[in-house]
Protein backbone atom coordinates (compact mmCIF):
# COMPACT_ATOMS: atom_id res chain seq x y z
CA UNK A 1 10.72 16.78 11.15
CA UNK A 2 7.43 15.08 10.32
CA UNK A 3 5.76 12.92 12.95
CA UNK A 4 6.64 9.24 12.72
CA UNK A 5 3.43 7.25 13.01
CA UNK A 6 4.65 3.72 12.18
CA UNK A 7 7.74 2.02 13.51
CA UNK A 8 8.95 -1.49 12.69
CA UNK A 9 11.75 -2.77 14.92
CA UNK A 10 13.89 -5.87 14.20
CA UNK A 11 11.14 -7.65 12.27
CA UNK A 12 11.77 -11.36 11.71
CA UNK A 13 9.52 -13.68 9.72
CA UNK A 14 10.21 -17.34 8.96
CA UNK A 15 8.44 -19.85 6.75
CA UNK A 16 9.82 -23.16 7.93
CA UNK A 17 13.58 -22.99 7.52
CA UNK A 18 13.36 -19.95 5.23
CA UNK A 19 13.94 -16.57 6.88
CA UNK A 20 11.81 -14.24 4.76
CA UNK A 21 12.66 -11.14 6.83
CA UNK A 22 15.95 -10.93 8.69
CA UNK A 23 15.44 -8.33 11.39
CA UNK A 24 14.45 -5.27 9.36
CA UNK A 25 13.71 -1.90 10.97
CA UNK A 26 12.24 1.32 9.58
CA UNK A 27 9.70 4.01 10.38
CA UNK A 28 7.14 5.93 8.35
CA UNK A 29 6.22 9.60 8.63
CA UNK A 30 2.68 10.97 8.78
CA UNK A 31 1.44 11.77 5.28
CA UNK A 32 4.49 10.15 3.68
CA UNK A 33 4.45 8.13 0.46
CA UNK A 34 6.92 5.34 1.25
CA UNK A 35 7.68 2.67 -1.32
CA UNK A 36 9.15 -0.78 -0.72
CA UNK A 37 11.09 -1.55 -3.89
CA UNK A 38 12.81 -4.74 -4.88
CA UNK A 39 12.66 -7.94 -6.94
CA UNK A 40 10.09 -10.69 -6.42
CA UNK A 41 10.76 -12.68 -3.27
CA UNK A 42 12.67 -9.94 -1.45
CA UNK A 43 10.14 -9.64 1.40
CA UNK A 44 8.03 -6.63 0.33
CA UNK A 45 4.62 -8.31 0.52
CA UNK A 46 5.51 -10.17 3.70
CA UNK A 47 6.34 -6.82 5.30
CA UNK A 48 2.97 -5.21 4.60
CA UNK A 49 1.08 -8.39 5.50
CA UNK A 50 2.76 -8.18 8.90
CA UNK A 51 1.79 -4.51 9.24
CA UNK A 52 -1.79 -5.42 8.33
CA UNK A 53 -1.86 -8.31 10.81
CA UNK A 54 -2.35 -10.93 8.10
CA UNK A 55 0.81 -12.76 9.22
CA UNK A 56 2.33 -13.35 12.65
CA UNK A 57 5.82 -12.10 13.49
CA UNK A 58 8.59 -14.42 14.64
CA UNK A 59 10.44 -11.52 16.19
CA UNK A 60 10.34 -7.76 16.60
CA UNK A 61 7.55 -5.24 17.13
CA UNK A 62 5.22 -2.92 15.22
CA UNK A 63 4.19 0.41 16.76
CA UNK A 64 1.38 2.49 15.22
CA UNK A 65 0.63 5.96 16.61
CA UNK A 66 2.53 5.07 19.76
CA UNK A 67 0.58 1.83 20.35
CA UNK A 68 2.10 -1.65 20.10
CA UNK A 69 -0.07 -3.48 17.56
CA UNK A 70 2.19 -6.52 17.19
CA UNK A 71 -0.38 -8.91 18.67
CA UNK A 72 -3.55 -7.14 17.52
CA UNK A 73 -6.02 -8.67 15.07
CA UNK A 74 -6.30 -7.12 11.58
CA UNK A 75 -9.64 -5.46 12.39
CA UNK A 76 -8.08 -3.82 15.44
CA UNK A 77 -5.46 -1.97 13.38
CA UNK A 78 -6.02 1.44 11.79
CA UNK A 79 -4.72 0.24 8.43
CA UNK A 80 -6.31 -0.89 5.18
CA UNK A 81 -4.82 -2.81 2.27
CA UNK A 82 -5.34 -2.60 -1.49
CA UNK A 83 -4.15 -5.75 -3.27
CA UNK A 84 -3.22 -6.24 -6.91
CA UNK A 85 -6.36 -8.32 -7.55
CA UNK A 86 -8.47 -5.69 -5.67
CA UNK A 87 -10.35 -8.47 -3.73
CA UNK A 88 -13.76 -6.97 -4.59
CA UNK A 89 -16.96 -8.94 -3.94
CA UNK A 90 -18.55 -9.82 -7.33
CA UNK A 91 -22.01 -10.39 -5.82
CA UNK A 92 -22.11 -6.83 -4.43
CA UNK A 93 -22.51 -3.59 -6.32
CA UNK A 94 -20.01 -0.73 -6.06
CA UNK A 95 -21.67 0.98 -3.08
CA UNK A 96 -22.01 -2.30 -1.18
CA UNK A 97 -18.34 -3.09 -1.75
CA UNK A 98 -17.20 0.30 -0.53
CA UNK A 99 -19.48 0.29 2.51
CA UNK A 100 -18.81 -3.32 3.52
CA UNK A 101 -16.30 -2.48 6.26
CA UNK A 102 -18.57 0.21 7.67
CA UNK A 103 -21.46 -2.25 7.75
CA UNK A 104 -19.31 -4.70 9.74
CA UNK A 105 -18.75 -1.90 12.25
CA UNK A 106 -22.56 -1.62 12.54
CA UNK A 107 -22.53 2.00 11.43
CA UNK A 108 -25.86 3.74 10.83
CA UNK A 109 -27.16 3.20 7.27
CA UNK A 110 -27.48 6.92 6.59
CA UNK A 111 -23.91 7.52 7.73
CA UNK A 112 -22.71 4.66 5.50
CA UNK A 113 -24.45 6.17 2.46
CA UNK A 114 -22.90 9.56 3.16
CA UNK A 115 -19.40 8.13 3.59
CA UNK A 116 -19.72 5.96 0.47
CA UNK A 117 -20.90 8.95 -1.56
CA UNK A 118 -17.93 11.02 -0.35
CA UNK A 119 -15.49 8.21 -1.19
CA UNK A 120 -16.98 7.82 -4.68
CA UNK A 121 -16.60 11.55 -5.26
CA UNK A 122 -12.96 11.39 -4.13
CA UNK A 123 -12.11 8.65 -6.66
CA UNK A 124 -14.26 10.25 -9.40
CA UNK A 125 -16.86 7.49 -9.60
CA UNK A 126 -20.00 9.44 -8.74
CA UNK A 127 -23.07 7.76 -10.23
CA UNK A 128 -21.50 4.27 -10.14
CA UNK A 129 -23.12 3.22 -6.86
CA UNK A 130 -25.33 0.50 -8.34
CA UNK A 131 -22.91 -0.83 -10.96
CA UNK A 132 -21.91 -4.47 -10.69
CA UNK A 133 -18.20 -5.19 -10.38
CA UNK A 134 -18.34 -7.18 -13.63
CA UNK A 135 -19.44 -4.00 -15.43
CA UNK A 136 -16.31 -2.05 -14.47
CA UNK A 137 -13.03 -1.57 -16.30
CA UNK A 138 -9.71 -2.41 -14.67
CA UNK A 139 -9.10 1.22 -13.75
CA UNK A 140 -12.58 1.58 -12.26
CA UNK A 141 -12.10 -1.56 -10.16
CA UNK A 142 -8.85 -0.11 -8.86
CA UNK A 143 -10.66 3.08 -7.85
CA UNK A 144 -13.38 1.11 -6.06
CA UNK A 145 -10.70 -0.79 -4.13
CA UNK A 146 -9.07 2.48 -3.09
CA UNK A 147 -12.47 3.96 -2.14
CA UNK A 148 -13.27 0.92 0.00
CA UNK A 149 -9.95 1.39 1.80
CA UNK A 150 -10.14 5.15 2.38
CA UNK A 151 -13.79 5.14 3.51
CA UNK A 152 -12.58 3.62 6.79
CA UNK A 153 -10.25 6.60 7.30
CA UNK A 154 -7.16 4.47 8.01
CA UNK A 155 -4.03 5.95 9.53
CA UNK A 156 -2.05 4.07 6.88
CA UNK A 157 -3.01 2.69 3.48
CA UNK A 158 -1.02 -0.35 2.35
CA UNK A 159 -0.88 -0.95 -1.41
CA UNK A 160 0.55 -4.20 -2.80
CA UNK A 161 1.35 -3.59 -6.50
CA UNK A 162 -2.18 -2.19 -7.04
CA UNK A 163 -1.45 -1.17 -10.65
CA UNK A 164 0.29 -4.36 -11.71
CA UNK A 165 -2.68 -5.76 -13.64
CA UNK A 166 -3.24 -2.63 -15.75
CA UNK A 167 -1.91 -1.91 -19.23
CA UNK A 168 0.86 0.67 -19.55
CA UNK A 169 -1.30 3.65 -20.58
CA UNK A 170 -3.86 3.09 -17.81
CA UNK A 171 -1.06 2.39 -15.32
CA UNK A 172 0.49 5.80 -16.00
CA UNK A 173 -2.91 7.49 -15.62
CA UNK A 174 -3.59 5.73 -12.33
CA UNK A 175 -0.12 6.63 -11.04
CA UNK A 176 -1.00 10.30 -11.49
CA UNK A 177 -4.38 9.81 -9.84
CA UNK A 178 -2.93 7.91 -6.88
CA UNK A 179 -0.31 10.56 -6.26
CA UNK A 180 -2.91 13.34 -6.41
CA UNK A 181 -5.28 11.37 -4.15
CA UNK A 182 -2.59 10.78 -1.54
CA UNK A 183 -1.74 14.47 -1.42
CA UNK A 184 -5.41 15.45 -1.20
CA UNK A 185 -6.25 13.04 1.64
CA UNK A 186 -2.95 13.35 3.54
CA UNK A 187 -3.08 9.61 4.21
CA UNK A 188 0.20 7.78 4.78
CA UNK A 189 0.88 5.34 1.92
CA UNK A 190 3.14 2.29 2.16
CA UNK A 191 3.40 1.09 -1.43
CA UNK A 192 4.92 -2.03 -2.97
CA UNK A 193 6.34 -2.24 -6.47
CA UNK A 194 9.20 -3.81 -8.39
CA UNK A 195 8.85 -1.05 -11.03
CA UNK A 196 11.65 1.47 -10.47
CA UNK A 197 10.10 4.11 -12.71
CA UNK A 198 6.83 3.90 -10.79
CA UNK A 199 8.68 4.15 -7.48
CA UNK A 200 10.62 7.18 -8.62
CA UNK A 201 7.49 9.01 -9.76
CA UNK A 202 5.31 8.29 -6.73
CA UNK A 203 7.57 8.16 -3.69
CA UNK A 204 8.78 10.62 -1.10
CA UNK A 205 11.13 7.96 0.21
CA UNK A 206 12.16 4.48 -0.92
CA UNK A 207 13.34 1.35 0.85
CA UNK A 208 15.19 -1.04 -1.45
CA UNK A 209 14.91 -4.64 -0.24
CA UNK A 210 16.85 -7.75 -1.17
CA UNK A 211 16.60 -11.28 0.24
CA UNK A 212 14.72 -10.23 3.37
CA UNK A 213 16.99 -7.32 4.21
CA UNK A 214 17.10 -3.57 3.61
CA UNK A 215 19.83 -2.61 1.16
CA UNK A 216 19.22 1.13 1.28
CA UNK A 217 16.57 3.61 2.43
CA UNK A 218 16.35 7.30 1.79
CA UNK A 219 14.78 10.10 -0.28
CA UNK A 220 13.82 9.03 -3.79
CA UNK A 221 16.49 10.96 -5.68
CA UNK A 222 19.20 9.78 -3.28
CA UNK A 223 18.35 6.15 -4.10
CA UNK A 224 18.57 6.76 -7.83
CA UNK A 225 21.49 9.17 -7.90
CA UNK A 226 23.62 7.77 -5.05
CA UNK A 227 23.05 4.00 -4.71
CA UNK A 228 24.80 2.78 -1.57
CA UNK A 229 25.44 -0.87 -2.45
CA UNK A 230 26.34 -2.90 -5.52
CA UNK A 231 22.90 -4.52 -5.45
CA UNK A 232 21.07 -1.18 -5.52
CA UNK A 233 23.39 0.15 -8.25
CA UNK A 234 22.83 -2.95 -10.42
CA UNK A 235 19.08 -2.95 -9.75
CA UNK A 236 18.73 0.69 -10.79
CA UNK A 237 20.99 0.32 -13.83
CA UNK A 238 19.05 -2.73 -14.98
CA UNK A 239 15.80 -0.77 -14.78
CA UNK A 240 17.23 2.04 -16.91
CA UNK A 241 18.21 -0.44 -19.59
CA UNK A 242 14.69 -1.89 -19.89
CA UNK A 243 12.67 1.33 -19.60
CA UNK A 244 10.85 2.27 -22.85
């Protein structure tokens, strides 16, 4: 059995009177590609924001590599996040964007250059170091965002619908590249999508969420072939009806 490096226990999150997460629990294996799947508003993004330390819990705990990180600041957690809008700095070039986190850690300039060069090679953007963000295509921006995340060598990479802004053809291409990249780097991915086809292609395991709760979790094919609840069955059937 693979090592479990992340464990969420009885996670509760409230926004006023609204309980966004209702005591969910799950763990993540080392090197696993885990996808949180579900409709908008089900609690997917709230979950990874809590893992990243961008929100405070109202109950429960988060354990990473055996350490309780529930109260730790975002910069004290060995995780990085890639958002749908990429959150790149327009006034910085590609290399500056990728090396920004390393600069904050006061790493030696030579070491930063070496790490940035390696990250660019990994995402197939060698030679783009001095390009402005405004000069990049959507797919290239996505690769820069991934490079900026992996250059910090996180234990876990959190991805919040990172392909949602891309057109269908580019989205399919980037799905293949993300899957290959994850296997090459052996980084644990926690991925968010509402796209069932994308989840089925990318994931080792899927957690289906609904209204702040977990409906079903298990290996990808089990979710699609043996849905455990009416919600999961309807959600999967609906996706099959709208797939091209």
